[in-house]
Amino acid sequence: MTAIEPRIGCQVETAGRNLSALFLLCCLAGCGGYPDDIDLGGLDEPDRTLYDRAVHDLDRGQLTRSRLLFQNLVNTYPDSEYLPLAKYGLAETFYHGGSRADMVQAQAEFKDFITFFPTSDMADDAQMLVAMAHVRQMEKSDRDPTQGQMAEVELQNMIASYPDSDLAVEARELLRAVQDVLAEHHRKVADFYATTGNYAGAVDRYLEVLDRYPDYTDLAESVYRLGETMRRGQNDGEAIVYYNRVIRNHPMTDAADEARERLEEMGQPVPTSNPAALARAESAEPPEGKGIFARVFGLWSRRPDVPTDTAAASIIPREEDGEGAGTGLGTFEVEGAVLGTEGPPER
């Protein structure tokens, strides 16, 4: 009996896999089947068959069918050489889904990939896409900052965990853009407190901007408004400190000009500008302006001006230049639109 039992178990397992694969093929045939150029192959290498079909469907936006195929591969062939790519592809099917529920599931699946394959060459890509799932849900600075805060955490995790990644520069640039939105959120809250006479609350929020976001694009204006709030709160000594700081560190800004006028009104000496700051300001390129259509559209859009495309790896091959051929790696390009509660219909 002992010599026969393993063979019986093997036969049962093989039969179960074949029935599972046959059932899946029947289901997919009912969904429209596959084009004639897809080789159905046999059941001697079903994990490769499942993987190829899953990638094919993912590439064509058939997310539900692709997800089913990836999940079947993961569950049925835990020792397959395609398991890492299948788990990554499974996460992609949610990432491309577009709904908020899809984004939550995509984050969980990509983190699951990192847990199972921490030394994979795609672990940094997975972490980048965890952050991108939050970036895609960000709202403008006058709205809920939760997704921006979570994106900030995941991007910082990306930079700390994978400092040598090819995506590190992209992650730093994206983090700067995300933090600009968060800094502006805090500054707007501070402005509101200042206009309502809550000077203590305004001071706390302005200081938070200065301490947490030293690279904020409108830092000079924040420093000046902090000085103004101090002055209105009857704290002229501290106000002078921040007026001086604007002039020294941000000499060629409107905020510096206003600070000079304020110091002259108060009978205070005007400091000289920091030579390094002056040279930096003189060499800086002026910011690019936006067209009238972009400005009007921006008033109605819930999305902040934060990039939503990424060079993180995708298992979808790039057909235009052949990059990723043989490896199944491509890149993501995501439309910068606010995600709704429902995903887009499958093509």
Protein backbone atom coordinates (compact mmCIF):
# COMPACT_ATOMS: atom_id res chain seq x y z
CA MET A 1 0.00 0.00 0.00
CA THR A 2 2.75 2.42 0.85
CA ALA A 3 4.30 2.12 -2.60
CA ILE A 4 0.99 2.83 -4.33
CA GLU A 5 -0.37 5.69 -2.20
CA PRO A 6 2.05 8.38 -3.45
CA ARG A 7 1.29 7.44 -7.04
CA ILE A 8 -2.44 7.63 -6.37
CA GLY A 9 -1.98 11.03 -4.72
CA CYS A 10 0.06 12.23 -7.67
CA GLN A 11 -2.57 11.04 -10.11
CA VAL A 12 -5.34 12.74 -8.14
CA GLU A 13 -3.38 15.99 -7.97
CA THR A 14 -2.60 15.89 -11.70
CA ALA A 15 -6.22 15.12 -12.55
CA GLY A 16 -7.37 17.96 -10.32
CA ARG A 17 -5.05 20.38 -12.08
CA ASN A 18 -6.15 19.22 -15.49
CA LEU A 19 -9.82 19.57 -14.56
CA SER A 20 -9.14 23.01 -13.10
CA ALA A 21 -7.37 24.10 -16.26
CA LEU A 22 -10.13 22.62 -18.45
CA PHE A 23 -12.82 24.38 -16.42
CA LEU A 24 -10.93 27.66 -16.69
CA LEU A 25 -10.56 27.31 -20.44
CA CYS A 26 -14.29 26.64 -20.77
CA CYS A 27 -15.11 29.72 -18.68
CA LEU A 28 -12.81 31.86 -20.76
CA ALA A 29 -14.25 30.48 -23.95
CA GLY A 30 -17.64 31.65 -22.68
CA CYS A 31 -16.15 35.12 -22.18
CA GLY A 32 -15.15 35.37 -25.79
CA GLY A 33 -12.11 33.08 -25.99
CA TYR A 34 -8.71 34.04 -27.38
CA PRO A 35 -7.54 35.22 -30.78
CA ASP A 36 -6.22 32.66 -33.23
CA ASP A 37 -2.65 33.91 -32.81
CA ILE A 38 -2.49 32.66 -29.21
CA ASP A 39 -1.06 29.15 -28.99
CA LEU A 40 -3.24 27.17 -26.60
CA GLY A 41 -0.54 24.54 -26.14
CA GLY A 42 -1.01 21.42 -24.04
CA LEU A 43 -1.28 20.72 -20.37
CA ASP A 44 2.34 19.63 -20.07
CA GLU A 45 3.33 23.22 -19.28
CA PRO A 46 0.08 24.78 -17.98
CA ASP A 47 1.73 27.37 -15.73
CA ARG A 48 3.41 28.96 -18.77
CA THR A 49 0.10 28.76 -20.66
CA LEU A 50 -1.77 30.49 -17.84
CA TYR A 51 0.90 33.16 -17.55
CA ASP A 52 0.99 33.97 -21.28
CA ARG A 53 -2.78 34.26 -21.46
CA ALA A 54 -2.93 36.40 -18.31
CA VAL A 55 -0.39 38.84 -19.75
CA HIS A 56 -2.24 38.86 -23.06
CA ASP A 57 -5.50 39.80 -21.34
CA LEU A 58 -3.84 42.37 -19.09
CA ASP A 59 -2.26 44.02 -22.12
CA ARG A 60 -5.72 44.35 -23.68
CA GLY A 61 -7.49 45.63 -20.58
CA GLN A 62 -9.36 42.41 -19.87
CA LEU A 63 -8.65 42.78 -16.19
CA THR A 64 -11.13 40.29 -14.74
CA ARG A 65 -10.02 37.45 -17.00
CA SER A 66 -6.35 38.31 -16.46
CA ARG A 67 -6.88 38.38 -12.70
CA LEU A 68 -8.58 34.98 -12.77
CA LEU A 69 -5.70 33.47 -14.73
CA PHE A 70 -3.01 34.93 -12.48
CA GLN A 71 -4.88 33.83 -9.37
CA ASN A 72 -5.29 30.31 -10.76
CA LEU A 73 -1.56 30.12 -11.48
CA VAL A 74 -0.66 31.33 -7.98
CA ASN A 75 -3.04 28.92 -6.27
CA THR A 76 -2.38 25.87 -8.43
CA TYR A 77 1.38 26.11 -9.02
CA PRO A 78 3.04 27.52 -5.87
CA ASP A 79 6.43 26.22 -7.01
CA SER A 80 6.24 27.60 -10.54
CA GLU A 81 9.06 29.71 -11.87
CA TYR A 82 6.35 32.13 -13.00
CA LEU A 83 5.03 32.66 -9.48
CA PRO A 84 6.81 36.01 -8.84
CA LEU A 85 5.65 37.51 -12.14
CA ALA A 86 2.16 36.09 -11.59
CA LYS A 87 1.85 37.76 -8.18
CA TYR A 88 3.17 41.02 -9.61
CA GLY A 89 0.76 40.74 -12.53
CA LEU A 90 -2.12 40.05 -10.15
CA ALA A 91 -1.34 43.33 -8.38
CA GLU A 92 -1.25 45.08 -11.75
CA THR A 93 -4.76 43.95 -12.61
CA PHE A 94 -6.00 45.93 -9.62
CA TYR A 95 -3.68 48.89 -10.24
CA HIS A 96 -5.11 49.32 -13.74
CA GLY A 97 -8.67 48.92 -12.44
CA GLY A 98 -9.02 52.56 -11.50
CA SER A 99 -11.51 52.46 -8.62
CA ARG A 100 -10.61 53.30 -5.03
CA ALA A 101 -11.31 49.71 -4.02
CA ASP A 102 -8.91 48.57 -6.76
CA MET A 103 -6.23 50.91 -5.47
CA VAL A 104 -6.55 49.53 -1.95
CA GLN A 105 -6.27 45.97 -3.24
CA ALA A 106 -3.34 46.88 -5.51
CA GLN A 107 -1.41 48.25 -2.53
CA ALA A 108 -2.07 45.05 -0.58
CA GLU A 109 -1.00 42.84 -3.48
CA PHE A 110 2.20 44.78 -4.19
CA LYS A 111 3.12 44.71 -0.50
CA ASP A 112 2.41 40.99 -0.51
CA PHE A 113 4.82 40.66 -3.44
CA ILE A 114 7.54 42.49 -1.50
CA THR A 115 6.96 40.25 1.53
CA PHE A 116 7.27 37.04 -0.51
CA PHE A 117 10.08 38.22 -2.81
CA PRO A 118 12.07 40.87 -0.89
CA THR A 119 15.25 40.30 -2.94
CA SER A 120 13.50 40.42 -6.30
CA ASP A 121 14.71 42.95 -8.86
CA MET A 122 11.09 44.13 -9.00
CA ALA A 123 10.68 44.77 -5.24
CA ASP A 124 11.55 48.45 -5.67
CA ASP A 125 9.09 48.70 -8.58
CA ALA A 126 6.38 47.20 -6.39
CA GLN A 127 7.11 49.69 -3.61
CA MET A 128 6.99 52.54 -6.12
CA LEU A 129 3.57 51.41 -7.27
CA VAL A 130 2.32 51.23 -3.68
CA ALA A 131 3.17 54.93 -3.47
CA MET A 132 1.70 55.64 -6.91
CA ALA A 133 -1.61 54.08 -5.88
CA HIS A 134 -1.87 56.83 -3.25
CA VAL A 135 -0.61 59.54 -5.64
CA ARG A 136 -3.37 58.66 -8.11
CA GLN A 137 -5.96 59.32 -5.40
CA MET A 138 -4.54 62.63 -4.17
CA GLU A 139 -6.75 65.69 -4.09
CA LYS A 140 -5.89 69.38 -4.28
CA SER A 141 -4.46 71.24 -1.32
CA ASP A 142 -7.84 72.62 -0.21
CA ARG A 143 -9.26 69.09 0.16
CA ASP A 144 -8.61 65.97 2.19
CA PRO A 145 -4.80 65.47 2.51
CA THR A 146 -4.97 61.82 3.64
CA GLN A 147 -3.86 60.24 0.36
CA GLY A 148 -1.06 62.77 -0.01
CA GLN A 149 0.18 61.99 3.49
CA MET A 150 0.15 58.25 2.75
CA ALA A 151 1.94 58.84 -0.56
CA GLU A 152 4.60 60.83 1.30
CA VAL A 153 5.18 57.94 3.73
CA GLU A 154 5.42 55.32 0.98
CA LEU A 155 7.77 57.45 -1.14
CA GLN A 156 10.02 58.04 1.86
CA ASN A 157 9.96 54.29 2.44
CA MET A 158 10.89 53.75 -1.20
CA ILE A 159 13.88 56.10 -0.99
CA ALA A 160 15.09 54.66 2.33
CA SER A 161 14.63 50.99 1.38
CA TYR A 162 15.97 51.16 -2.18
CA PRO A 163 18.53 54.00 -2.33
CA ASP A 164 20.33 52.44 -5.32
CA SER A 165 17.17 51.82 -7.34
CA ASP A 166 16.85 53.19 -10.85
CA LEU A 167 13.61 54.72 -9.59
CA ALA A 168 15.24 56.66 -6.73
CA VAL A 169 15.52 59.94 -8.67
CA GLU A 170 11.90 59.67 -9.80
CA ALA A 171 10.81 58.94 -6.24
CA ARG A 172 12.61 62.02 -4.90
CA GLU A 173 11.12 64.28 -7.56
CA LEU A 174 7.66 62.88 -6.93
CA LEU A 175 8.10 63.27 -3.17
CA ARG A 176 8.92 66.95 -3.72
CA ALA A 177 5.71 67.40 -5.74
CA VAL A 178 3.62 65.58 -3.13
CA GLN A 179 5.13 67.60 -0.28
CA ASP A 180 4.39 70.82 -2.14
CA VAL A 181 0.69 69.92 -2.07
CA LEU A 182 0.85 69.02 1.63
CA ALA A 183 2.74 72.20 2.51
CA GLU A 184 0.18 74.29 0.67
CA HIS A 185 -2.59 72.52 2.57
CA HIS A 186 -1.03 73.48 5.91
CA ARG A 187 -0.43 77.03 4.74
CA LYS A 188 -4.06 77.44 3.72
CA VAL A 189 -5.16 76.23 7.13
CA ALA A 190 -2.77 78.72 8.69
CA ASP A 191 -4.15 81.50 6.48
CA PHE A 192 -7.67 80.66 7.64
CA TYR A 193 -6.65 80.78 11.29
CA ALA A 194 -4.90 84.11 10.73
CA THR A 195 -7.95 85.70 9.07
CA THR A 196 -10.21 84.56 11.94
CA GLY A 197 -7.90 85.96 14.62
CA ASN A 198 -6.61 82.59 15.83
CA TYR A 199 -3.00 83.76 15.73
CA ALA A 200 -1.63 80.99 17.92
CA GLY A 201 -3.12 78.32 15.65
CA ALA A 202 -1.84 80.14 12.57
CA VAL A 203 1.68 80.38 14.00
CA ASP A 204 1.72 76.63 14.72
CA ARG A 205 0.70 75.79 11.15
CA TYR A 206 3.15 78.22 9.54
CA LEU A 207 5.96 76.81 11.69
CA GLU A 208 4.97 73.30 10.61
CA VAL A 209 5.38 74.34 6.98
CA LEU A 210 8.82 75.79 7.68
CA ASP A 211 10.01 72.81 9.69
CA ARG A 212 8.61 69.94 7.61
CA TYR A 213 8.78 71.33 4.08
CA PRO A 214 11.95 73.42 3.65
CA ASP A 215 11.81 72.94 -0.14
CA TYR A 216 8.23 74.19 -0.46
CA THR A 217 7.87 76.29 -3.60
CA ASP A 218 6.13 79.18 -1.75
CA LEU A 219 8.26 78.99 1.38
CA ALA A 220 9.14 82.70 1.18
CA GLU A 221 5.48 83.72 1.32
CA SER A 222 4.93 81.39 4.27
CA VAL A 223 7.82 82.94 6.19
CA TYR A 224 6.50 86.43 5.51
CA ARG A 225 2.95 85.51 6.58
CA LEU A 226 4.37 84.02 9.76
CA GLY A 227 6.00 87.36 10.47
CA GLU A 228 2.75 89.18 9.78
CA THR A 229 0.86 86.88 12.13
CA MET A 230 3.44 87.50 14.85
CA ARG A 231 3.07 91.25 14.39
CA ARG A 232 -0.73 91.10 14.55
CA GLY A 233 -0.43 89.01 17.68
CA GLN A 234 1.57 91.82 19.32
CA ASN A 235 4.88 89.99 19.05
CA ASP A 236 6.96 92.49 17.09
CA GLY A 237 10.28 90.98 18.18
CA GLU A 238 9.53 87.60 16.59
CA ALA A 239 7.95 89.29 13.58
CA ILE A 240 11.19 91.13 12.85
CA VAL A 241 13.10 87.83 12.98
CA TYR A 242 10.98 86.37 10.19
CA TYR A 243 10.96 89.54 8.09
CA ASN A 244 14.75 89.45 8.21
CA ARG A 245 14.75 85.76 7.31
CA VAL A 246 12.71 86.38 4.17
CA ILE A 247 15.02 89.15 3.00
CA ARG A 248 18.22 87.16 3.67
CA ASN A 249 17.15 83.80 2.28
CA HIS A 250 14.61 84.75 -0.42
CA PRO A 251 15.88 88.11 -1.67
CA MET A 252 14.26 88.21 -5.12
CA THR A 253 10.66 87.50 -4.14
CA ASP A 254 7.59 89.66 -3.64
CA ALA A 255 7.58 88.49 -0.01
CA ALA A 256 11.06 89.98 0.49
CA ASP A 257 9.92 93.32 -0.95
CA GLU A 258 6.94 93.38 1.43
CA ALA A 259 9.17 92.45 4.36
CA ARG A 260 11.50 95.37 3.57
CA GLU A 261 8.55 97.77 3.52
CA ARG A 262 7.28 96.38 6.83
CA LEU A 263 10.69 96.80 8.52
CA GLU A 264 10.94 100.38 7.27
CA GLU A 265 7.48 101.15 8.65
CA MET A 266 8.60 99.72 12.01
CA GLY A 267 11.78 101.80 11.97
CA GLN A 268 13.97 98.73 11.82
CA PRO A 269 17.17 98.29 9.79
CA VAL A 270 16.87 96.25 6.63
CA PRO A 271 19.39 93.37 6.46
CA THR A 272 21.50 92.54 3.44
CA SER A 273 20.68 89.46 1.44
CA ASN A 274 22.65 86.25 1.79
CA PRO A 275 25.10 86.23 -1.19
CA ALA A 276 24.56 82.50 -1.78
CA ALA A 277 20.78 82.93 -1.74
CA LEU A 278 21.07 85.91 -4.09
CA ALA A 279 23.25 83.98 -6.54
CA ARG A 280 20.87 81.01 -6.38
CA ALA A 281 17.87 83.26 -7.11
CA GLU A 282 19.61 85.00 -10.03
CA SER A 283 20.54 81.70 -11.67
CA ALA A 284 17.18 80.02 -11.14
CA GLU A 285 14.99 79.52 -14.19
CA PRO A 286 11.59 81.22 -14.06
CA PRO A 287 8.70 78.80 -13.53
CA GLU A 288 6.86 77.68 -16.61
CA GLY A 289 3.51 79.34 -17.06
CA LYS A 290 0.30 77.49 -17.90
CA GLY A 291 -2.00 78.19 -20.77
CA ILE A 292 -5.40 79.76 -20.19
CA PHE A 293 -7.17 76.43 -20.78
CA ALA A 294 -4.97 74.63 -18.26
CA ARG A 295 -5.57 77.34 -15.66
CA VAL A 296 -9.36 77.30 -16.12
CA PHE A 297 -9.50 73.49 -16.10
CA GLY A 298 -7.36 73.46 -12.97
CA LEU A 299 -10.01 75.46 -11.10
CA TRP A 300 -12.54 72.66 -11.59
CA SER A 301 -10.25 69.68 -11.28
CA ARG A 302 -9.94 67.85 -7.95
CA ARG A 303 -6.48 66.62 -8.95
CA PRO A 304 -3.34 68.46 -7.84
CA ASP A 305 -0.51 69.15 -10.26
CA VAL A 306 1.38 65.95 -9.39
CA PRO A 307 2.69 63.49 -12.03
CA THR A 308 0.86 60.18 -12.24
CA ASP A 309 3.15 58.41 -14.73
CA THR A 310 6.04 56.23 -13.58
CA ALA A 311 8.93 54.19 -14.95
CA ALA A 312 8.14 51.34 -12.55
CA ALA A 313 8.16 47.92 -14.20
CA SER A 314 5.11 46.32 -15.73
CA ILE A 315 4.79 42.77 -17.00
CA ILE A 316 3.08 44.16 -20.09
CA PRO A 317 5.66 44.16 -22.94
CA ARG A 318 6.39 47.44 -24.66
CA GLU A 319 5.63 46.95 -28.32
CA GLU A 320 6.75 50.33 -29.64
CA ASP A 321 10.45 49.86 -29.02
CA GLY A 322 10.80 46.28 -27.91
CA GLU A 323 12.04 47.23 -24.45
CA GLY A 324 11.42 44.46 -21.99
CA ALA A 325 11.22 41.81 -24.73
CA GLY A 326 11.90 38.42 -23.25
CA THR A 327 11.45 39.62 -19.69
CA GLY A 328 7.88 40.81 -19.77
CA LEU A 329 8.80 44.22 -18.31
CA GLY A 330 7.38 47.50 -19.53
CA THR A 331 6.47 50.82 -17.97
CA PHE A 332 3.32 52.44 -16.65
CA GLU A 333 1.68 55.54 -18.03
CA VAL A 334 -1.38 56.49 -16.02
CA GLU A 335 -3.96 59.14 -16.85
CA GLY A 336 -3.89 61.93 -14.29
CA ALA A 337 -7.56 61.89 -13.36
CA VAL A 338 -9.33 61.60 -10.04
CA LEU A 339 -10.42 58.05 -9.37
CA GLY A 340 -14.06 57.47 -8.69
CA THR A 341 -15.80 54.76 -6.73
CA GLU A 342 -16.16 52.62 -9.82
CA GLY A 343 -13.46 51.53 -12.21
CA PRO A 344 -13.57 52.06 -15.96
CA PRO A 345 -15.34 49.40 -18.02
CA GLU A 346 -13.10 46.74 -19.48
CA ARG A 347 -12.28 47.12 -23.13
